[in-house]
Amino acid sequence: MWAIPIFGTMASIELISGMLATRSAHVARDACVMGGGLYLLVGLNLVFLGLVGSIIDPNVKTGEKIVLWLVELNLPAGPYVIFAGAVVSAVLSTVDSALLASGSILSLNVVRPVGGTLVREYPLLTTRFAVAGLGLVALVIALRPGTIHDLIMRAASFGSSDLVVVTLFGLFT
């Protein structure tokens, strides 16, 4: 259960694209270390809030709602709306990155080689259609019954498994 989120975030699209966009290996290394530290700091705060929430109210049945329940309970309306907006923004940013990367890979490696001249002449249009198609697939998956945890685990296992293999291969060869 822990391997998917740990290895999935180790080789995420955001991390790889950020490293490739830096001007030197030194900047990439420092950015990864600082980003990883910030990620741990924020993540451990959320784990702490989840543990405290279950102690404060043991009747809360689902762990997915504890943090939002604590924030709603302890913050006035304005900061609560800002917090909820930040959570939605983080989720949408991750989904956006995953769809764009997957659409680009699908377009470049699957559609263009088998497509005709029209597909090769308009690569941006091909990628846009691939992203839209994958967006519809994501919508169908998201509408299936289940918990948010199950949805995140399913998305992480599909979206990051190929990147983990390529990243480990690149690191150790």
C-alpha atoms as a PDB file:
ATOM      1  CA  MET A   1       0.000   0.000   0.000  1.00  0.00           C
ATOM      2  CA  TRP A   2       2.853   2.414   0.760  1.00  0.00           C
ATOM      3  CA  ALA A   3       4.966   1.607  -2.310  1.00  0.00           C
ATOM      4  CA  ILE A   4       2.599   3.270  -4.791  1.00  0.00           C
ATOM      5  CA  PRO A   5       2.479   6.755  -3.226  1.00  0.00           C
ATOM      6  CA  ILE A   6       6.148   6.760  -2.201  1.00  0.00           C
ATOM      7  CA  PHE A   7       7.631   5.574  -5.486  1.00  0.00           C
ATOM      8  CA  GLY A   8       4.938   7.369  -7.467  1.00  0.00           C
ATOM      9  CA  THR A   9       5.855  10.760  -6.027  1.00  0.00           C
ATOM     10  CA  MET A  10       9.566   9.977  -6.266  1.00  0.00           C
ATOM     11  CA  ALA A  11       9.272   9.902 -10.042  1.00  0.00           C
ATOM     12  CA  SER A  12       6.423  12.293 -10.686  1.00  0.00           C
ATOM     13  CA  ILE A  13       5.913  14.215 -13.885  1.00  0.00           C
ATOM     14  CA  GLU A  14       6.216  17.504 -12.000  1.00  0.00           C
ATOM     15  CA  LEU A  15       9.582  16.516 -10.531  1.00  0.00           C
ATOM     16  CA  ILE A  16      11.053  15.314 -13.812  1.00  0.00           C
ATOM     17  CA  SER A  17       9.838  18.307 -15.821  1.00  0.00           C
ATOM     18  CA  GLY A  18      11.150  20.659 -13.129  1.00  0.00           C
ATOM     19  CA  MET A  19      14.575  19.014 -13.177  1.00  0.00           C
ATOM     20  CA  LEU A  20      14.744  19.090 -16.962  1.00  0.00           C
ATOM     21  CA  ALA A  21      13.828  22.799 -16.991  1.00  0.00           C
ATOM     22  CA  THR A  22      16.722  23.882 -14.762  1.00  0.00           C
ATOM     23  CA  ARG A  23      19.880  25.440 -16.139  1.00  0.00           C
ATOM     24  CA  SER A  24      22.348  23.199 -14.288  1.00  0.00           C
ATOM     25  CA  ALA A  25      22.635  19.992 -12.287  1.00  0.00           C
ATOM     26  CA  HIS A  26      23.441  22.041  -9.180  1.00  0.00           C
ATOM     27  CA  VAL A  27      20.190  24.013  -9.422  1.00  0.00           C
ATOM     28  CA  ALA A  28      18.211  20.806 -10.099  1.00  0.00           C
ATOM     29  CA  ARG A  29      19.731  19.069  -7.058  1.00  0.00           C
ATOM     30  CA  ASP A  30      19.097  22.028  -4.744  1.00  0.00           C
ATOM     31  CA  ALA A  31      15.529  22.409  -6.005  1.00  0.00           C
ATOM     32  CA  CYS A  32      14.845  18.694  -5.434  1.00  0.00           C
ATOM     33  CA  VAL A  33      16.240  18.812  -1.899  1.00  0.00           C
ATOM     34  CA  MET A  34      14.297  21.974  -0.986  1.00  0.00           C
ATOM     35  CA  GLY A  35      11.119  20.721  -2.658  1.00  0.00           C
ATOM     36  CA  GLY A  36      11.419  17.343  -0.938  1.00  0.00           C
ATOM     37  CA  GLY A  37      11.913  19.013   2.440  1.00  0.00           C
ATOM     38  CA  LEU A  38       8.880  21.234   1.918  1.00  0.00           C
ATOM     39  CA  TYR A  39       6.869  18.244   0.731  1.00  0.00           C
ATOM     40  CA  LEU A  40       7.772  16.323   3.901  1.00  0.00           C
ATOM     41  CA  LEU A  41       7.032  19.316   6.128  1.00  0.00           C
ATOM     42  CA  VAL A  42       3.577  19.900   4.672  1.00  0.00           C
ATOM     43  CA  GLY A  43       2.834  16.169   4.431  1.00  0.00           C
ATOM     44  CA  LEU A  44       3.791  15.510   8.033  1.00  0.00           C
ATOM     45  CA  ASN A  45       1.592  18.408   9.163  1.00  0.00           C
ATOM     46  CA  LEU A  46      -1.365  16.795   7.413  1.00  0.00           C
ATOM     47  CA  VAL A  47      -0.533  13.421   8.986  1.00  0.00           C
ATOM     48  CA  PHE A  48      -0.384  15.119  12.394  1.00  0.00           C
ATOM     49  CA  LEU A  49      -3.758  16.790  11.798  1.00  0.00           C
ATOM     50  CA  GLY A  50      -5.232  13.442  10.788  1.00  0.00           C
ATOM     51  CA  LEU A  51      -3.957  11.781  13.955  1.00  0.00           C
ATOM     52  CA  VAL A  52      -5.156  14.659  16.163  1.00  0.00           C
ATOM     53  CA  GLY A  53      -8.556  14.677  14.467  1.00  0.00           C
ATOM     54  CA  SER A  54      -9.128  11.009  15.178  1.00  0.00           C
ATOM     55  CA  ILE A  55      -8.235  11.619  18.844  1.00  0.00           C
ATOM     56  CA  ILE A  56     -10.506  14.682  19.142  1.00  0.00           C
ATOM     57  CA  ASP A  57     -13.504  12.931  17.625  1.00  0.00           C
ATOM     58  CA  PRO A  58     -13.246   9.140  17.395  1.00  0.00           C
ATOM     59  CA  ASN A  59     -16.706   9.067  15.772  1.00  0.00           C
ATOM     60  CA  VAL A  60     -15.368  10.475  12.508  1.00  0.00           C
ATOM     61  CA  LYS A  61     -15.719   7.425  10.312  1.00  0.00           C
ATOM     62  CA  THR A  62     -13.702   8.405   7.261  1.00  0.00           C
ATOM     63  CA  GLY A  63     -10.136   9.585   7.448  1.00  0.00           C
ATOM     64  CA  GLU A  64     -10.476  11.569   4.225  1.00  0.00           C
ATOM     65  CA  LYS A  65     -12.597  14.228   5.891  1.00  0.00           C
ATOM     66  CA  ILE A  66     -10.692  14.708   9.153  1.00  0.00           C
ATOM     67  CA  VAL A  67      -8.382  17.497   7.971  1.00  0.00           C
ATOM     68  CA  LEU A  68     -11.156  19.481   6.298  1.00  0.00           C
ATOM     69  CA  TRP A  69     -13.361  18.946   9.351  1.00  0.00           C
ATOM     70  CA  LEU A  70     -10.614  20.289  11.653  1.00  0.00           C
ATOM     71  CA  VAL A  71     -10.009  23.295   9.422  1.00  0.00           C
ATOM     72  CA  GLU A  72     -13.726  24.049   9.208  1.00  0.00           C
ATOM     73  CA  LEU A  73     -14.058  23.650  12.968  1.00  0.00           C
ATOM     74  CA  ASN A  74     -11.135  25.936  13.878  1.00  0.00           C
ATOM     75  CA  LEU A  75     -10.972  28.594  11.162  1.00  0.00           C
ATOM     76  CA  PRO A  76     -13.389  31.388  10.300  1.00  0.00           C
ATOM     77  CA  ALA A  77     -15.112  31.355   6.917  1.00  0.00           C
ATOM     78  CA  GLY A  78     -12.523  33.432   5.027  1.00  0.00           C
ATOM     79  CA  PRO A  79      -9.410  31.359   5.818  1.00  0.00           C
ATOM     80  CA  TYR A  80     -11.443  28.157   5.421  1.00  0.00           C
ATOM     81  CA  VAL A  81     -12.401  29.167   1.868  1.00  0.00           C
ATOM     82  CA  ILE A  82      -8.742  29.997   1.120  1.00  0.00           C
ATOM     83  CA  PHE A  83      -7.635  26.597   2.481  1.00  0.00           C
ATOM     84  CA  ALA A  84     -10.301  24.743   0.494  1.00  0.00           C
ATOM     85  CA  GLY A  85      -9.308  26.705  -2.621  1.00  0.00           C
ATOM     86  CA  ALA A  86      -5.657  25.772  -2.094  1.00  0.00           C
ATOM     87  CA  VAL A  87      -6.581  22.092  -1.807  1.00  0.00           C
ATOM     88  CA  VAL A  88      -8.670  22.225  -4.993  1.00  0.00           C
ATOM     89  CA  SER A  89      -5.877  24.133  -6.761  1.00  0.00           C
ATOM     90  CA  ALA A  90      -3.293  21.506  -5.795  1.00  0.00           C
ATOM     91  CA  VAL A  91      -5.519  18.694  -7.014  1.00  0.00           C
ATOM     92  CA  LEU A  92      -6.259  20.421 -10.320  1.00  0.00           C
ATOM     93  CA  SER A  93      -2.579  21.225 -10.873  1.00  0.00           C
ATOM     94  CA  THR A  94      -1.641  17.582 -10.402  1.00  0.00           C
ATOM     95  CA  VAL A  95      -4.426  16.384 -12.693  1.00  0.00           C
ATOM     96  CA  ASP A  96      -3.446  18.974 -15.305  1.00  0.00           C
ATOM     97  CA  SER A  97       0.200  17.866 -15.279  1.00  0.00           C
ATOM     98  CA  ALA A  98      -0.734  14.204 -15.507  1.00  0.00           C
ATOM     99  CA  LEU A  99      -3.137  14.755 -18.414  1.00  0.00           C
ATOM    100  CA  LEU A 100      -0.713  16.946 -20.366  1.00  0.00           C
ATOM    101  CA  ALA A 101       2.191  14.540 -19.921  1.00  0.00           C
ATOM    102  CA  SER A 102       0.085  11.474 -20.738  1.00  0.00           C
ATOM    103  CA  GLY A 103      -1.464  13.183 -23.756  1.00  0.00           C
ATOM    104  CA  SER A 104       1.966  14.147 -25.071  1.00  0.00           C
ATOM    105  CA  ILE A 105       3.310  10.619 -24.623  1.00  0.00           C
ATOM    106  CA  LEU A 106       0.233   9.083 -26.262  1.00  0.00           C
ATOM    107  CA  SER A 107       0.359  11.518 -29.155  1.00  0.00           C
ATOM    108  CA  LEU A 108       4.096  11.204 -29.764  1.00  0.00           C
ATOM    109  CA  ASN A 109       4.531   7.458 -29.300  1.00  0.00           C
ATOM    110  CA  VAL A 110       1.210   5.965 -30.399  1.00  0.00           C
ATOM    111  CA  VAL A 111      -0.867   8.269 -32.595  1.00  0.00           C
ATOM    112  CA  ARG A 112       1.804   9.915 -34.768  1.00  0.00           C
ATOM    113  CA  PRO A 113       3.621   6.730 -35.859  1.00  0.00           C
ATOM    114  CA  VAL A 114       0.408   5.088 -37.062  1.00  0.00           C
ATOM    115  CA  GLY A 115      -1.298   8.284 -38.206  1.00  0.00           C
ATOM    116  CA  GLY A 116      -1.234   9.689 -41.678  1.00  0.00           C
ATOM    117  CA  THR A 117       0.309  12.846 -43.088  1.00  0.00           C
ATOM    118  CA  LEU A 118      -2.357  15.049 -41.511  1.00  0.00           C
ATOM    119  CA  VAL A 119      -1.475  13.793 -38.029  1.00  0.00           C
ATOM    120  CA  ARG A 120       2.260  14.385 -38.621  1.00  0.00           C
ATOM    121  CA  GLU A 121       1.673  17.896 -39.963  1.00  0.00           C
ATOM    122  CA  TYR A 122      -0.386  19.035 -36.954  1.00  0.00           C
ATOM    123  CA  PRO A 123       1.342  17.628 -33.853  1.00  0.00           C
ATOM    124  CA  LEU A 124      -0.191  20.202 -31.485  1.00  0.00           C
ATOM    125  CA  LEU A 125      -3.706  19.363 -32.643  1.00  0.00           C
ATOM    126  CA  THR A 126      -2.962  15.650 -32.241  1.00  0.00           C
ATOM    127  CA  THR A 127      -1.732  16.237 -28.701  1.00  0.00           C
ATOM    128  CA  ARG A 128      -4.795  18.319 -27.841  1.00  0.00           C
ATOM    129  CA  PHE A 129      -7.112  15.537 -28.997  1.00  0.00           C
ATOM    130  CA  ALA A 130      -5.078  13.004 -27.007  1.00  0.00           C
ATOM    131  CA  VAL A 131      -5.360  15.160 -23.861  1.00  0.00           C
ATOM    132  CA  ALA A 132      -9.111  15.588 -24.398  1.00  0.00           C
ATOM    133  CA  GLY A 133      -9.548  11.832 -24.886  1.00  0.00           C
ATOM    134  CA  LEU A 134      -7.558  11.051 -21.761  1.00  0.00           C
ATOM    135  CA  GLY A 135      -9.623  13.657 -19.910  1.00  0.00           C
ATOM    136  CA  LEU A 136     -12.769  11.730 -20.829  1.00  0.00           C
ATOM    137  CA  VAL A 137     -11.145   8.488 -19.646  1.00  0.00           C
ATOM    138  CA  ALA A 138     -10.229  10.215 -16.357  1.00  0.00           C
ATOM    139  CA  LEU A 139     -13.824  11.434 -16.002  1.00  0.00           C
ATOM    140  CA  VAL A 140     -15.198   7.916 -16.459  1.00  0.00           C
ATOM    141  CA  ILE A 141     -12.741   6.582 -13.864  1.00  0.00           C
ATOM    142  CA  ALA A 142     -13.559   9.406 -11.426  1.00  0.00           C
ATOM    143  CA  LEU A 143     -17.312   8.791 -11.688  1.00  0.00           C
ATOM    144  CA  ARG A 144     -16.957   5.160 -10.616  1.00  0.00           C
ATOM    145  CA  PRO A 145     -17.960   4.495  -7.017  1.00  0.00           C
ATOM    146  CA  GLY A 146     -15.242   4.383  -4.395  1.00  0.00           C
ATOM    147  CA  THR A 147     -13.324   6.531  -1.976  1.00  0.00           C
ATOM    148  CA  ILE A 148     -10.911   9.350  -2.750  1.00  0.00           C
ATOM    149  CA  HIS A 149      -8.105   7.151  -1.411  1.00  0.00           C
ATOM    150  CA  ASP A 150      -8.944   4.400  -3.918  1.00  0.00           C
ATOM    151  CA  LEU A 151      -9.072   6.921  -6.753  1.00  0.00           C
ATOM    152  CA  ILE A 152      -5.703   8.430  -5.844  1.00  0.00           C
ATOM    153  CA  MET A 153      -4.092   5.002  -5.515  1.00  0.00           C
ATOM    154  CA  ARG A 154      -5.485   3.924  -8.883  1.00  0.00           C
ATOM    155  CA  ALA A 155      -4.310   7.132 -10.561  1.00  0.00           C
ATOM    156  CA  ALA A 156      -0.865   6.946  -8.947  1.00  0.00           C
ATOM    157  CA  SER A 157      -0.366   3.322  -9.927  1.00  0.00           C
ATOM    158  CA  PHE A 158      -1.307   3.961 -13.553  1.00  0.00           C
ATOM    159  CA  GLY A 159       0.339   7.349 -13.930  1.00  0.00           C
ATOM    160  CA  SER A 160       3.665   6.745 -12.230  1.00  0.00           C
ATOM    161  CA  SER A 161       4.535   3.105 -12.792  1.00  0.00           C
ATOM    162  CA  ASP A 162       6.219   3.754 -16.125  1.00  0.00           C
ATOM    163  CA  LEU A 163       8.120   6.759 -14.765  1.00  0.00           C
ATOM    164  CA  VAL A 164       9.440   4.795 -11.792  1.00  0.00           C
ATOM    165  CA  VAL A 165      10.884   2.119 -14.080  1.00  0.00           C
ATOM    166  CA  VAL A 166      12.505   4.646 -16.425  1.00  0.00           C
ATOM    167  CA  THR A 167      13.852   6.754 -13.539  1.00  0.00           C
ATOM    168  CA  LEU A 168      15.383   3.768 -11.734  1.00  0.00           C
ATOM    169  CA  PHE A 169      16.843   2.495 -15.017  1.00  0.00           C
ATOM    170  CA  GLY A 170      18.373   5.919 -15.671  1.00  0.00           C
ATOM    171  CA  LEU A 171      19.771   6.217 -12.149  1.00  0.00           C
ATOM    172  CA  PHE A 172      21.422   2.808 -12.031  1.00  0.00           C
ATOM    173  CA  THR A 173      22.781   2.320 -15.563  1.00  0.00           C
END
